[in-house]
């Protein structure tokens, strides 16, 4: 048990030492704000407009024949 705790502490200290010496931080809040996917997929107004553009090109989906007459 003591060997496991020593190994855990040593590996944690090694991890912290390597991360402190590296040029880039492992995770920052700026990473999410700089990601183009996050910017695009969280812009609701842009997504609605994109949906309208796709609808102009492909047209509205028609009702399935399987559900015709139901309801």
N, C-alpha and C. Protein backbone atom coordinates (compact mmCIF):
# COMPACT_ATOMS: atom_id res chain seq x y z
N UNK A 1 0.82 -1.19 0.00
CA UNK A 1 0.00 0.00 0.00
C UNK A 1 0.87 1.26 0.00
N UNK A 2 1.93 1.24 0.80
CA UNK A 2 2.81 2.40 0.86
C UNK A 2 3.52 2.60 -0.47
N UNK A 3 3.87 1.51 -1.13
CA UNK A 3 4.54 1.59 -2.42
C UNK A 3 3.61 2.25 -3.45
N UNK A 4 2.32 1.92 -3.41
CA UNK A 4 1.34 2.50 -4.33
C UNK A 4 1.21 4.00 -4.10
N UNK A 5 1.16 4.43 -2.85
CA UNK A 5 1.03 5.86 -2.53
C UNK A 5 2.28 6.61 -2.98
N UNK A 6 3.46 6.04 -2.74
CA UNK A 6 4.70 6.67 -3.17
C UNK A 6 4.73 6.80 -4.69
N UNK A 7 4.29 5.74 -5.39
CA UNK A 7 4.27 5.76 -6.85
C UNK A 7 3.30 6.82 -7.36
N UNK A 8 2.15 6.96 -6.71
CA UNK A 8 1.14 7.94 -7.09
C UNK A 8 1.66 9.36 -6.89
N UNK A 9 2.31 9.60 -5.77
CA UNK A 9 2.86 10.93 -5.49
C UNK A 9 3.98 11.26 -6.46
N UNK A 10 4.85 10.30 -6.73
CA UNK A 10 5.96 10.52 -7.66
C UNK A 10 5.45 10.80 -9.07
N UNK A 11 4.47 10.04 -9.53
CA UNK A 11 3.95 10.27 -10.88
C UNK A 11 3.22 11.60 -10.97
N UNK A 12 2.53 12.00 -9.91
CA UNK A 12 1.86 13.30 -9.89
C UNK A 12 2.87 14.44 -9.92
N UNK A 13 3.93 14.30 -9.16
CA UNK A 13 4.97 15.33 -9.14
C UNK A 13 5.66 15.41 -10.50
N UNK A 14 5.90 14.27 -11.11
CA UNK A 14 6.51 14.25 -12.44
C UNK A 14 5.61 14.93 -13.46
N UNK A 15 4.32 14.63 -13.41
CA UNK A 15 3.36 15.25 -14.32
C UNK A 15 3.33 16.76 -14.14
N UNK A 16 3.28 17.23 -12.91
CA UNK A 16 3.26 18.66 -12.65
C UNK A 16 4.56 19.34 -13.10
N UNK A 17 5.67 18.66 -12.90
CA UNK A 17 6.96 19.22 -13.32
C UNK A 17 7.05 19.35 -14.82
N UNK A 18 6.61 18.33 -15.53
CA UNK A 18 6.65 18.39 -17.00
C UNK A 18 5.69 19.45 -17.52
N UNK A 19 4.50 19.53 -16.94
CA UNK A 19 3.55 20.53 -17.42
C UNK A 19 4.03 21.95 -17.11
N UNK A 20 4.76 22.14 -16.01
CA UNK A 20 5.28 23.46 -15.69
C UNK A 20 6.40 23.86 -16.64
N UNK A 21 7.16 22.89 -17.14
CA UNK A 21 8.26 23.19 -18.03
C UNK A 21 7.83 23.34 -19.50
N UNK A 22 6.67 22.83 -19.84
CA UNK A 22 6.23 22.91 -21.24
C UNK A 22 5.82 24.33 -21.59
N UNK A 23 5.91 24.66 -22.89
CA UNK A 23 5.58 26.00 -23.35
C UNK A 23 4.09 26.27 -23.32
N UNK A 24 3.31 25.27 -23.69
CA UNK A 24 1.86 25.45 -23.75
C UNK A 24 1.21 24.88 -22.50
N UNK A 25 0.21 25.59 -21.98
CA UNK A 25 -0.54 24.99 -20.87
C UNK A 25 -1.38 23.83 -21.39
N UNK A 26 -1.71 22.89 -20.52
CA UNK A 26 -2.44 21.71 -20.95
C UNK A 26 -3.87 22.04 -21.34
N UNK A 27 -4.53 22.91 -20.62
CA UNK A 27 -5.90 23.29 -20.96
C UNK A 27 -6.12 24.72 -20.52
N UNK A 28 -6.68 25.52 -21.39
CA UNK A 28 -7.00 26.90 -21.04
C UNK A 28 -8.40 27.23 -21.50
N UNK A 29 -8.95 28.29 -20.96
CA UNK A 29 -10.28 28.73 -21.38
C UNK A 29 -10.22 29.31 -22.79
N UNK A 30 -9.06 29.79 -23.22
CA UNK A 30 -8.93 30.37 -24.55
C UNK A 30 -9.06 29.33 -25.64
N UNK A 31 -8.75 28.08 -25.35
CA UNK A 31 -8.84 27.03 -26.36
C UNK A 31 -10.26 26.91 -26.88
N UNK A 32 -11.23 26.94 -26.00
CA UNK A 32 -12.63 26.80 -26.42
C UNK A 32 -13.08 28.03 -27.19
N UNK A 33 -12.61 29.23 -26.81
CA UNK A 33 -13.05 30.43 -27.50
C UNK A 33 -12.39 30.56 -28.87
N UNK A 34 -11.22 29.96 -29.06
CA UNK A 34 -10.54 30.05 -30.34
C UNK A 34 -10.98 28.96 -31.31
N UNK A 35 -11.66 27.95 -30.84
CA UNK A 35 -12.07 26.84 -31.68
C UNK A 35 -13.19 27.29 -32.62
N UNK A 36 -12.96 27.14 -33.91
CA UNK A 36 -13.94 27.58 -34.90
C UNK A 36 -15.22 26.76 -34.83
N UNK A 37 -15.12 25.50 -34.51
CA UNK A 37 -16.32 24.66 -34.42
C UNK A 37 -17.24 25.17 -33.32
N UNK A 38 -16.66 25.51 -32.17
CA UNK A 38 -17.47 26.00 -31.06
C UNK A 38 -18.12 27.32 -31.44
N UNK A 39 -17.38 28.21 -32.09
CA UNK A 39 -17.95 29.49 -32.49
C UNK A 39 -19.12 29.31 -33.44
N UNK A 40 -18.96 28.45 -34.43
CA UNK A 40 -19.99 28.27 -35.44
C UNK A 40 -21.21 27.54 -34.87
N UNK A 41 -20.98 26.49 -34.12
CA UNK A 41 -22.09 25.66 -33.65
C UNK A 41 -22.82 26.24 -32.46
N UNK A 42 -22.35 27.33 -31.89
CA UNK A 42 -23.08 27.97 -30.81
C UNK A 42 -23.72 29.28 -31.26
N UNK A 43 -23.60 29.61 -32.53
CA UNK A 43 -24.22 30.80 -33.09
C UNK A 43 -25.59 30.41 -33.63
N UNK A 44 -26.64 30.61 -32.82
CA UNK A 44 -27.98 30.14 -33.17
C UNK A 44 -28.50 30.88 -34.40
N UNK A 45 -28.29 32.18 -34.46
CA UNK A 45 -28.77 32.95 -35.61
C UNK A 45 -28.13 32.45 -36.90
N UNK A 46 -26.84 32.18 -36.84
CA UNK A 46 -26.13 31.66 -38.01
C UNK A 46 -26.63 30.29 -38.42
N UNK A 47 -26.94 29.44 -37.43
CA UNK A 47 -27.45 28.10 -37.73
C UNK A 47 -28.83 28.16 -38.37
N UNK A 48 -29.67 29.07 -37.92
CA UNK A 48 -31.00 29.22 -38.52
C UNK A 48 -30.88 29.69 -39.96
N UNK A 49 -30.02 30.65 -40.19
CA UNK A 49 -29.82 31.14 -41.56
C UNK A 49 -29.25 30.06 -42.46
N UNK A 50 -28.33 29.27 -41.93
CA UNK A 50 -27.77 28.17 -42.69
C UNK A 50 -28.84 27.15 -43.05
N UNK A 51 -29.74 26.88 -42.12
CA UNK A 51 -30.87 25.98 -42.39
C UNK A 51 -31.75 26.51 -43.50
N UNK A 52 -31.99 27.82 -43.52
CA UNK A 52 -32.79 28.41 -44.59
C UNK A 52 -32.11 28.27 -45.95
N UNK A 53 -30.79 28.47 -45.96
CA UNK A 53 -30.05 28.34 -47.22
C UNK A 53 -30.11 26.90 -47.75
N UNK A 54 -29.98 25.93 -46.84
CA UNK A 54 -30.05 24.53 -47.25
C UNK A 54 -31.45 24.22 -47.77
N UNK A 55 -32.46 24.79 -47.13
CA UNK A 55 -33.84 24.56 -47.56
C UNK A 55 -34.08 25.14 -48.95
N UNK A 56 -33.45 26.27 -49.26
CA UNK A 56 -33.58 26.86 -50.60
C UNK A 56 -32.98 25.93 -51.65
N UNK A 57 -31.87 25.31 -51.32
CA UNK A 57 -31.17 24.46 -52.28
C UNK A 57 -31.88 23.11 -52.42
N UNK A 58 -32.18 22.48 -51.32
CA UNK A 58 -32.74 21.12 -51.35
C UNK A 58 -34.26 21.11 -51.37
N UNK A 59 -34.89 22.15 -50.93
CA UNK A 59 -36.34 22.18 -50.83
C UNK A 59 -36.81 21.59 -49.51
N UNK A 60 -38.08 21.80 -49.21
CA UNK A 60 -38.62 21.28 -47.95
C UNK A 60 -38.81 19.78 -48.08
N UNK A 61 -38.58 19.05 -47.01
CA UNK A 61 -38.82 17.60 -47.06
C UNK A 61 -40.32 17.34 -47.16
N UNK A 62 -40.69 16.37 -47.98
CA UNK A 62 -42.10 16.03 -48.15
C UNK A 62 -42.50 15.03 -47.08
N UNK A 63 -43.81 14.93 -46.86
CA UNK A 63 -44.32 13.98 -45.88
C UNK A 63 -44.14 12.57 -46.38
N UNK A 64 -43.83 11.68 -45.50
CA UNK A 64 -43.61 10.28 -45.87
C UNK A 64 -44.95 9.64 -46.25
N UNK A 65 -44.93 8.75 -47.23
CA UNK A 65 -46.12 8.03 -47.64
C UNK A 65 -46.59 7.08 -46.55
N UNK A 66 -45.69 6.66 -45.70
CA UNK A 66 -46.04 5.73 -44.64
C UNK A 66 -46.95 6.36 -43.60
N UNK A 67 -46.85 7.67 -43.41
CA UNK A 67 -47.66 8.32 -42.39
C UNK A 67 -48.81 9.12 -43.00
N UNK A 68 -49.00 9.03 -44.31
CA UNK A 68 -50.08 9.78 -44.96
C UNK A 68 -51.42 9.29 -44.45
N UNK A 69 -52.28 10.23 -44.09
CA UNK A 69 -53.62 9.89 -43.64
C UNK A 69 -53.73 9.64 -42.15
N UNK A 70 -52.63 9.61 -41.45
CA UNK A 70 -52.70 9.39 -40.01
C UNK A 70 -53.00 10.70 -39.31
N UNK A 71 -53.61 10.62 -38.15
CA UNK A 71 -53.84 11.78 -37.33
C UNK A 71 -55.11 12.42 -37.63
